Amino acid sequence: MKKVIAALVVLIFAQTVQALDVWCTADGCDVTISFSGAGGENPVRGMAFDITLAGDGAISNVVCLSADYGYQIFPGSISIDSSGNVTDWGSCKCSGDYPGTLDAANAMTIEVASAYAPGVDPDPSDYGDLVSFRVEGSYVPEVTITVNEI
C-alpha cells in the first residue's frame, strides 16, 4: 500500500510565482518523488529539491525518472564539449560539489530542467515523477522535501 509521506513546496521564478505540488509515496522502502502543477501558461523550466531522511535511513538505488516528463537536463552534472555537444547527460542527483547541495548517506539534492527553446522543444509535463530511491536501514521512511534555491 502506498502512503503519501510529504507534500509541500512553492517555487518562485524571476517575476512569475507558480505553485508546484511535490510529494513522495512509499511502497515499503522504495520511495518516489512526484510533482504536479508545472504546466500552464508559464511552465516550470527547472526545479531543485533537498531530500533528507530522518532516523538511521540511508539513500540508495537512485533512479532519475524526470526525463519521461520533459525534465531531461541535469544542470549540476551535464557535460558539454567546446562544440556545444552533450557528452554526458549526467544525473538528477547532485554530486554535492556545489555549495548548497547535499550528497550524504541520508540526504541528497536533485535538480532537473527542461529544454530551453519554447515553441521548439516540447513543454514539460504538468505532472510526473522526478526520482525514485530506496531507503536502507529504516523500517518506515521519513522523508522531508524542501526547495533548494540554487
N, C-alpha and C. Protein backbone atom coordinates (compact mmCIF):
# COMPACT_ATOMS: atom_id res chain seq x y z
N MET A 1 0.83 -1.16 0.00
CA MET A 1 0.00 0.00 0.00
C MET A 1 0.88 1.24 0.00
N LYS A 2 0.59 2.18 -0.86
CA LYS A 2 1.38 3.39 -0.95
C LYS A 2 0.88 4.41 0.05
N LYS A 3 1.81 5.16 0.61
CA LYS A 3 1.47 6.20 1.56
C LYS A 3 2.05 7.52 1.08
N VAL A 4 1.30 8.57 1.22
CA VAL A 4 1.85 9.88 0.93
C VAL A 4 2.57 10.32 2.19
N ILE A 5 3.85 10.62 2.08
CA ILE A 5 4.66 10.93 3.24
C ILE A 5 4.85 12.43 3.43
N ALA A 6 5.05 13.15 2.34
CA ALA A 6 5.32 14.58 2.49
C ALA A 6 4.75 15.33 1.30
N ALA A 7 4.29 16.53 1.54
CA ALA A 7 3.82 17.39 0.46
C ALA A 7 4.11 18.82 0.86
N LEU A 8 4.72 19.56 -0.02
CA LEU A 8 4.98 20.95 0.21
C LEU A 8 5.48 21.60 -1.06
N VAL A 9 5.86 22.80 -1.02
CA VAL A 9 6.65 23.49 -2.00
C VAL A 9 5.94 24.61 -2.74
N VAL A 10 6.56 25.71 -2.74
CA VAL A 10 6.19 26.82 -3.61
C VAL A 10 7.49 27.29 -4.23
N LEU A 11 7.53 27.34 -5.54
CA LEU A 11 8.72 27.80 -6.24
C LEU A 11 8.50 29.22 -6.72
N ILE A 12 9.54 30.02 -6.64
CA ILE A 12 9.45 31.40 -7.13
C ILE A 12 10.47 31.57 -8.24
N PHE A 13 10.01 32.02 -9.38
CA PHE A 13 10.87 32.23 -10.54
C PHE A 13 10.78 33.68 -10.97
N ALA A 14 11.91 34.35 -11.08
CA ALA A 14 12.01 35.72 -11.56
C ALA A 14 10.78 36.54 -11.19
N GLN A 15 9.92 36.80 -12.17
CA GLN A 15 8.74 37.62 -11.91
C GLN A 15 7.47 36.77 -11.85
N THR A 16 7.61 35.48 -12.04
CA THR A 16 6.44 34.61 -12.06
C THR A 16 6.40 33.81 -10.77
N VAL A 17 5.25 33.77 -10.14
CA VAL A 17 5.07 32.94 -8.96
C VAL A 17 4.12 31.82 -9.36
N GLN A 18 4.54 30.60 -9.14
CA GLN A 18 3.73 29.47 -9.52
C GLN A 18 3.78 28.42 -8.42
N ALA A 19 2.64 27.94 -8.01
CA ALA A 19 2.60 26.88 -7.00
C ALA A 19 2.89 25.55 -7.67
N LEU A 20 3.69 24.75 -7.03
CA LEU A 20 4.06 23.44 -7.54
C LEU A 20 3.92 22.47 -6.37
N ASP A 21 3.13 21.45 -6.55
CA ASP A 21 2.97 20.44 -5.51
C ASP A 21 4.01 19.34 -5.71
N VAL A 22 4.68 19.01 -4.63
CA VAL A 22 5.69 17.94 -4.66
C VAL A 22 5.41 17.03 -3.48
N TRP A 23 5.45 15.71 -3.72
CA TRP A 23 5.17 14.77 -2.65
C TRP A 23 5.95 13.49 -2.92
N CYS A 24 5.97 12.65 -1.91
CA CYS A 24 6.58 11.34 -2.11
C CYS A 24 5.62 10.25 -1.66
N THR A 25 5.74 9.12 -2.30
CA THR A 25 4.98 7.94 -1.93
C THR A 25 5.98 6.83 -1.62
N ALA A 26 5.61 5.98 -0.69
CA ALA A 26 6.48 4.87 -0.32
C ALA A 26 5.76 3.56 -0.55
N ASP A 27 6.47 2.62 -1.11
CA ASP A 27 5.99 1.26 -1.24
C ASP A 27 7.04 0.41 -0.52
N GLY A 28 6.80 0.15 0.74
CA GLY A 28 7.84 -0.47 1.56
C GLY A 28 8.96 0.53 1.75
N CYS A 29 10.15 0.16 1.36
CA CYS A 29 11.30 1.06 1.48
C CYS A 29 11.63 1.78 0.18
N ASP A 30 10.81 1.60 -0.86
CA ASP A 30 11.02 2.28 -2.13
C ASP A 30 10.19 3.56 -2.15
N VAL A 31 10.84 4.68 -2.43
CA VAL A 31 10.22 6.00 -2.39
C VAL A 31 10.27 6.62 -3.78
N THR A 32 9.18 7.26 -4.19
CA THR A 32 9.13 8.01 -5.44
C THR A 32 8.72 9.44 -5.14
N ILE A 33 9.48 10.40 -5.67
CA ILE A 33 9.17 11.82 -5.53
C ILE A 33 8.44 12.24 -6.80
N SER A 34 7.26 12.84 -6.65
CA SER A 34 6.42 13.24 -7.79
C SER A 34 6.06 14.72 -7.69
N PHE A 35 5.53 15.26 -8.80
CA PHE A 35 5.16 16.67 -8.84
C PHE A 35 3.90 16.86 -9.66
N SER A 36 3.22 17.98 -9.45
CA SER A 36 2.13 18.42 -10.32
C SER A 36 2.05 19.93 -10.25
N GLY A 37 1.44 20.52 -11.28
CA GLY A 37 1.28 21.97 -11.34
C GLY A 37 2.41 22.67 -12.06
N ALA A 38 3.20 21.94 -12.86
CA ALA A 38 4.35 22.54 -13.53
C ALA A 38 4.01 23.14 -14.89
N GLY A 39 2.81 22.86 -15.41
CA GLY A 39 2.46 23.34 -16.74
C GLY A 39 1.77 24.68 -16.70
N GLY A 40 0.91 24.89 -17.65
CA GLY A 40 0.17 26.14 -17.71
C GLY A 40 0.78 27.12 -18.68
N GLU A 41 0.39 28.37 -18.53
CA GLU A 41 0.85 29.41 -19.45
C GLU A 41 2.35 29.63 -19.38
N ASN A 42 2.91 29.56 -18.19
CA ASN A 42 4.35 29.70 -17.99
C ASN A 42 4.88 28.43 -17.32
N PRO A 43 5.18 27.40 -18.09
CA PRO A 43 5.59 26.14 -17.48
C PRO A 43 6.91 26.29 -16.69
N VAL A 44 7.02 25.51 -15.64
CA VAL A 44 8.24 25.49 -14.84
C VAL A 44 9.34 24.90 -15.71
N ARG A 45 10.45 25.61 -15.81
CA ARG A 45 11.56 25.15 -16.65
C ARG A 45 12.64 24.43 -15.87
N GLY A 46 12.66 24.60 -14.56
CA GLY A 46 13.66 23.91 -13.76
C GLY A 46 13.26 23.90 -12.30
N MET A 47 13.75 22.92 -11.57
CA MET A 47 13.45 22.83 -10.14
C MET A 47 14.54 22.03 -9.44
N ALA A 48 14.73 22.34 -8.16
CA ALA A 48 15.72 21.65 -7.36
C ALA A 48 15.17 21.47 -5.95
N PHE A 49 15.43 20.29 -5.39
CA PHE A 49 14.92 19.96 -4.06
C PHE A 49 15.98 19.25 -3.24
N ASP A 50 15.96 19.54 -1.94
CA ASP A 50 16.77 18.78 -1.00
C ASP A 50 15.86 17.71 -0.40
N ILE A 51 16.35 16.50 -0.38
CA ILE A 51 15.60 15.37 0.17
C ILE A 51 16.42 14.82 1.33
N THR A 52 15.82 14.79 2.51
CA THR A 52 16.52 14.29 3.68
C THR A 52 15.69 13.21 4.37
N LEU A 53 16.38 12.28 4.99
CA LEU A 53 15.74 11.20 5.72
C LEU A 53 15.96 11.39 7.21
N ALA A 54 14.94 11.06 7.99
CA ALA A 54 15.06 11.09 9.44
C ALA A 54 15.57 9.74 9.92
N GLY A 55 16.07 9.72 11.13
CA GLY A 55 16.50 8.46 11.72
C GLY A 55 17.75 7.91 11.07
N ASP A 56 17.83 6.58 11.05
CA ASP A 56 19.04 5.93 10.55
C ASP A 56 18.94 5.56 9.07
N GLY A 57 17.99 6.13 8.35
CA GLY A 57 17.81 5.79 6.94
C GLY A 57 18.97 6.25 6.07
N ALA A 58 19.25 5.50 5.03
CA ALA A 58 20.28 5.85 4.05
C ALA A 58 19.68 5.70 2.65
N ILE A 59 20.03 6.62 1.77
CA ILE A 59 19.52 6.63 0.40
C ILE A 59 20.38 5.72 -0.47
N SER A 60 19.72 4.86 -1.27
CA SER A 60 20.43 4.01 -2.23
C SER A 60 19.58 3.84 -3.47
N ASN A 61 20.16 3.26 -4.50
CA ASN A 61 19.45 2.93 -5.75
C ASN A 61 18.68 4.11 -6.33
N VAL A 62 19.32 5.25 -6.48
CA VAL A 62 18.67 6.44 -7.02
C VAL A 62 18.46 6.26 -8.53
N VAL A 63 17.21 6.49 -8.97
CA VAL A 63 16.87 6.40 -10.39
C VAL A 63 16.16 7.69 -10.79
N CYS A 64 16.72 8.40 -11.76
CA CYS A 64 16.12 9.64 -12.26
C CYS A 64 14.99 9.28 -13.22
N LEU A 65 13.80 9.81 -12.97
CA LEU A 65 12.62 9.49 -13.77
C LEU A 65 12.11 10.70 -14.56
N SER A 66 12.67 11.87 -14.32
CA SER A 66 12.13 13.12 -14.84
C SER A 66 12.19 13.26 -16.36
N ALA A 67 13.11 12.59 -17.02
CA ALA A 67 13.23 12.72 -18.48
C ALA A 67 11.96 12.30 -19.19
N ASP A 68 11.25 11.35 -18.63
CA ASP A 68 9.99 10.88 -19.24
C ASP A 68 8.91 11.96 -19.19
N TYR A 69 9.13 13.00 -18.40
CA TYR A 69 8.12 14.06 -18.23
C TYR A 69 8.62 15.42 -18.72
N GLY A 70 9.69 15.42 -19.53
CA GLY A 70 10.18 16.64 -20.15
C GLY A 70 11.29 17.33 -19.39
N TYR A 71 11.72 16.78 -18.27
CA TYR A 71 12.83 17.36 -17.49
C TYR A 71 14.05 16.47 -17.67
N GLN A 72 14.69 16.61 -18.84
CA GLN A 72 15.76 15.72 -19.24
C GLN A 72 17.15 16.35 -19.13
N ILE A 73 17.24 17.56 -18.62
CA ILE A 73 18.52 18.24 -18.48
C ILE A 73 18.86 18.30 -17.00
N PHE A 74 20.09 17.91 -16.67
CA PHE A 74 20.53 17.88 -15.28
C PHE A 74 21.67 18.88 -15.10
N PRO A 75 21.35 20.13 -14.76
CA PRO A 75 22.33 21.22 -14.76
C PRO A 75 23.57 20.96 -13.91
N GLY A 76 23.45 20.23 -12.81
CA GLY A 76 24.58 20.03 -11.92
C GLY A 76 25.62 19.07 -12.43
N SER A 77 25.28 18.25 -13.43
CA SER A 77 26.25 17.24 -13.86
C SER A 77 26.31 17.03 -15.37
N ILE A 78 25.57 17.79 -16.15
CA ILE A 78 25.64 17.65 -17.60
C ILE A 78 27.03 18.09 -18.09
N SER A 79 27.56 17.41 -19.08
CA SER A 79 28.86 17.77 -19.67
C SER A 79 28.65 18.12 -21.14
N ILE A 80 29.15 19.29 -21.52
CA ILE A 80 29.02 19.78 -22.88
C ILE A 80 30.41 20.12 -23.39
N ASP A 81 30.77 19.62 -24.59
CA ASP A 81 32.11 19.89 -25.12
C ASP A 81 32.18 21.28 -25.74
N SER A 82 33.34 21.66 -26.21
CA SER A 82 33.57 23.00 -26.74
C SER A 82 32.78 23.29 -28.01
N SER A 83 32.26 22.25 -28.67
CA SER A 83 31.42 22.43 -29.86
C SER A 83 29.94 22.53 -29.52
N GLY A 84 29.62 22.42 -28.24
CA GLY A 84 28.22 22.52 -27.82
C GLY A 84 27.48 21.20 -27.82
N ASN A 85 28.20 20.08 -27.97
CA ASN A 85 27.57 18.76 -27.97
C ASN A 85 27.55 18.20 -26.56
N VAL A 86 26.43 17.61 -26.19
CA VAL A 86 26.33 16.97 -24.88
C VAL A 86 27.13 15.67 -24.93
N THR A 87 28.10 15.54 -24.03
CA THR A 87 28.92 14.34 -23.98
C THR A 87 28.49 13.41 -22.85
N ASP A 88 27.77 13.96 -21.87
CA ASP A 88 27.25 13.16 -20.75
C ASP A 88 26.05 13.91 -20.18
N TRP A 89 24.88 13.26 -20.18
CA TRP A 89 23.67 13.91 -19.67
C TRP A 89 23.71 14.02 -18.15
N GLY A 90 24.53 13.24 -17.50
CA GLY A 90 24.66 13.32 -16.06
C GLY A 90 23.49 12.67 -15.33
N SER A 91 23.19 13.20 -14.15
CA SER A 91 22.16 12.62 -13.29
C SER A 91 21.41 13.73 -12.58
N CYS A 92 20.16 13.47 -12.23
CA CYS A 92 19.39 14.46 -11.48
C CYS A 92 19.91 14.61 -10.05
N LYS A 93 20.65 13.63 -9.56
CA LYS A 93 21.21 13.69 -8.21
C LYS A 93 22.52 14.48 -8.25
N CYS A 94 22.57 15.56 -7.47
CA CYS A 94 23.76 16.39 -7.42
C CYS A 94 24.91 15.67 -6.72
N SER A 95 26.11 16.04 -7.10
CA SER A 95 27.29 15.41 -6.50
C SER A 95 27.62 15.99 -5.13
N GLY A 96 27.05 17.14 -4.79
CA GLY A 96 27.39 17.79 -3.54
C GLY A 96 28.62 18.67 -3.65
N ASP A 97 29.19 18.77 -4.85
CA ASP A 97 30.39 19.59 -5.06
C ASP A 97 30.09 21.08 -5.03
N TYR A 98 28.87 21.47 -5.32
CA TYR A 98 28.50 22.88 -5.34
C TYR A 98 27.98 23.30 -3.98
N PRO A 99 28.34 24.51 -3.54
CA PRO A 99 27.83 24.99 -2.25
C PRO A 99 26.30 24.96 -2.24
N GLY A 100 25.74 24.51 -1.14
CA GLY A 100 24.29 24.50 -1.00
C GLY A 100 23.62 23.24 -1.51
N THR A 101 24.40 22.25 -2.00
CA THR A 101 23.81 20.99 -2.43
C THR A 101 24.21 19.87 -1.48
N LEU A 102 23.37 18.86 -1.40
CA LEU A 102 23.58 17.75 -0.47
C LEU A 102 23.91 16.46 -1.20
N ASP A 103 24.84 15.71 -0.66
CA ASP A 103 25.14 14.37 -1.14
C ASP A 103 25.74 13.61 0.04
N ALA A 104 24.85 13.05 0.85
CA ALA A 104 25.26 12.31 2.04
C ALA A 104 24.47 11.01 2.08
N ALA A 105 24.78 10.16 3.04
CA ALA A 105 24.07 8.89 3.15
C ALA A 105 22.57 9.09 3.34
N ASN A 106 22.19 10.15 4.08
CA ASN A 106 20.77 10.36 4.37
C ASN A 106 20.19 11.63 3.74
N ALA A 107 20.90 12.21 2.78
CA ALA A 107 20.40 13.44 2.15
C ALA A 107 20.97 13.60 0.75
N MET A 108 20.14 14.18 -0.13
CA MET A 108 20.62 14.46 -1.49
C MET A 108 19.86 15.66 -2.04
N THR A 109 20.48 16.32 -2.98
CA THR A 109 19.83 17.39 -3.75
C THR A 109 19.59 16.83 -5.14
N ILE A 110 18.38 17.04 -5.66
CA ILE A 110 18.11 16.71 -7.05
C ILE A 110 17.77 18.00 -7.78
N GLU A 111 18.19 18.08 -9.03
CA GLU A 111 17.83 19.24 -9.85
C GLU A 111 17.59 18.78 -11.27
N VAL A 112 16.52 19.35 -11.86
CA VAL A 112 16.13 18.98 -13.22
C VAL A 112 15.71 20.25 -13.96
N ALA A 113 15.84 20.21 -15.28
CA ALA A 113 15.41 21.32 -16.12
C ALA A 113 14.88 20.77 -17.43
N SER A 114 14.04 21.58 -18.08
CA SER A 114 13.52 21.20 -19.39
C SER A 114 14.37 21.86 -20.46
N ALA A 115 14.11 21.52 -21.70
CA ALA A 115 14.84 22.12 -22.82
C ALA A 115 14.59 23.63 -22.84
N TYR A 116 15.45 24.36 -23.50
CA TYR A 116 15.49 25.81 -23.38
C TYR A 116 14.60 26.59 -24.35
N ALA A 117 14.19 26.00 -25.46
CA ALA A 117 13.55 26.79 -26.51
C ALA A 117 12.04 26.61 -26.55
N PRO A 118 11.27 27.54 -25.93
CA PRO A 118 9.81 27.44 -26.02
C PRO A 118 9.35 27.50 -27.48
N GLY A 119 8.39 26.67 -27.83
CA GLY A 119 7.90 26.64 -29.20
C GLY A 119 8.69 25.71 -30.10
N VAL A 120 9.90 25.37 -29.69
CA VAL A 120 10.73 24.44 -30.47
C VAL A 120 10.76 23.09 -29.77
N ASP A 121 11.11 23.11 -28.50
CA ASP A 121 11.14 21.88 -27.71
C ASP A 121 9.79 21.72 -27.02
N PRO A 122 9.38 20.50 -26.79
CA PRO A 122 8.08 20.31 -26.12
C PRO A 122 8.11 20.85 -24.70
N ASP A 123 6.98 21.43 -24.29
CA ASP A 123 6.86 21.89 -22.91
C ASP A 123 6.91 20.68 -21.99
N PRO A 124 7.45 20.87 -20.80
CA PRO A 124 7.47 19.76 -19.86
C PRO A 124 6.05 19.42 -19.40
N SER A 125 5.89 18.23 -18.89
CA SER A 125 4.59 17.76 -18.42
C SER A 125 4.13 18.57 -17.21
N ASP A 126 2.83 18.63 -17.01
CA ASP A 126 2.26 19.30 -15.86
C ASP A 126 2.44 18.46 -14.59
N TYR A 127 2.68 17.18 -14.74
CA TYR A 127 2.81 16.29 -13.59
C TYR A 127 3.70 15.12 -13.97
N GLY A 128 4.24 14.44 -12.98
CA GLY A 128 5.04 13.26 -13.24
C GLY A 128 5.90 12.89 -12.05
N ASP A 129 6.87 12.03 -12.30
CA ASP A 129 7.80 11.58 -11.27
C ASP A 129 9.17 12.18 -11.53
N LEU A 130 9.86 12.56 -10.45
CA LEU A 130 11.19 13.13 -10.57
C LEU A 130 12.29 12.10 -10.35
N VAL A 131 12.16 11.35 -9.27
CA VAL A 131 13.23 10.42 -8.89
C VAL A 131 12.64 9.34 -7.98
N SER A 132 13.27 8.18 -8.01
CA SER A 132 12.93 7.14 -7.04
C SER A 132 14.21 6.69 -6.36
N PHE A 133 14.06 6.17 -5.16
CA PHE A 133 15.21 5.67 -4.43
C PHE A 133 14.74 4.69 -3.36
N ARG A 134 15.68 3.98 -2.79
CA ARG A 134 15.39 3.02 -1.73
C ARG A 134 15.94 3.58 -0.42
N VAL A 135 15.21 3.35 0.65
CA VAL A 135 15.67 3.74 1.98
C VAL A 135 16.18 2.49 2.68
N GLU A 136 17.45 2.49 3.01
CA GLU A 136 18.07 1.36 3.71
C GLU A 136 18.17 1.69 5.19
N GLY A 137 17.96 0.72 6.05
CA GLY A 137 18.22 0.87 7.47
C GLY A 137 17.11 1.50 8.28
N SER A 138 16.00 1.84 7.67
CA SER A 138 14.90 2.46 8.41
C SER A 138 13.62 1.75 8.02
N TYR A 139 12.88 1.24 8.99
CA TYR A 139 11.68 0.48 8.68
C TYR A 139 10.63 1.31 7.99
N VAL A 140 10.33 2.50 8.52
CA VAL A 140 9.36 3.40 7.91
C VAL A 140 10.11 4.65 7.42
N PRO A 141 10.17 4.86 6.12
CA PRO A 141 10.89 6.03 5.62
C PRO A 141 10.21 7.32 6.08
N GLU A 142 11.00 8.22 6.65
CA GLU A 142 10.53 9.56 6.99
C GLU A 142 11.31 10.52 6.10
N VAL A 143 10.64 11.07 5.12
CA VAL A 143 11.29 11.87 4.09
C VAL A 143 10.82 13.32 4.20
N THR A 144 11.78 14.25 4.12
CA THR A 144 11.46 15.67 4.07
C THR A 144 11.96 16.22 2.73
N ILE A 145 11.10 16.98 2.07
CA ILE A 145 11.43 17.60 0.78
C ILE A 145 11.37 19.11 0.97
N THR A 146 12.43 19.81 0.63
CA THR A 146 12.45 21.27 0.71
C THR A 146 13.01 21.84 -0.59
N VAL A 147 12.58 23.04 -0.92
CA VAL A 147 13.08 23.72 -2.13
C VAL A 147 14.55 24.06 -1.92
N ASN A 148 15.36 23.80 -2.93
CA ASN A 148 16.74 24.25 -2.94
C ASN A 148 16.80 25.37 -3.96
N GLU A 149 17.13 26.55 -3.54
CA GLU A 149 17.05 27.73 -4.40
C GLU A 149 18.28 27.94 -5.28
N ILE A 150 19.09 26.90 -5.46
CA ILE A 150 20.25 27.05 -6.33
C ILE A 150 19.82 27.37 -7.73
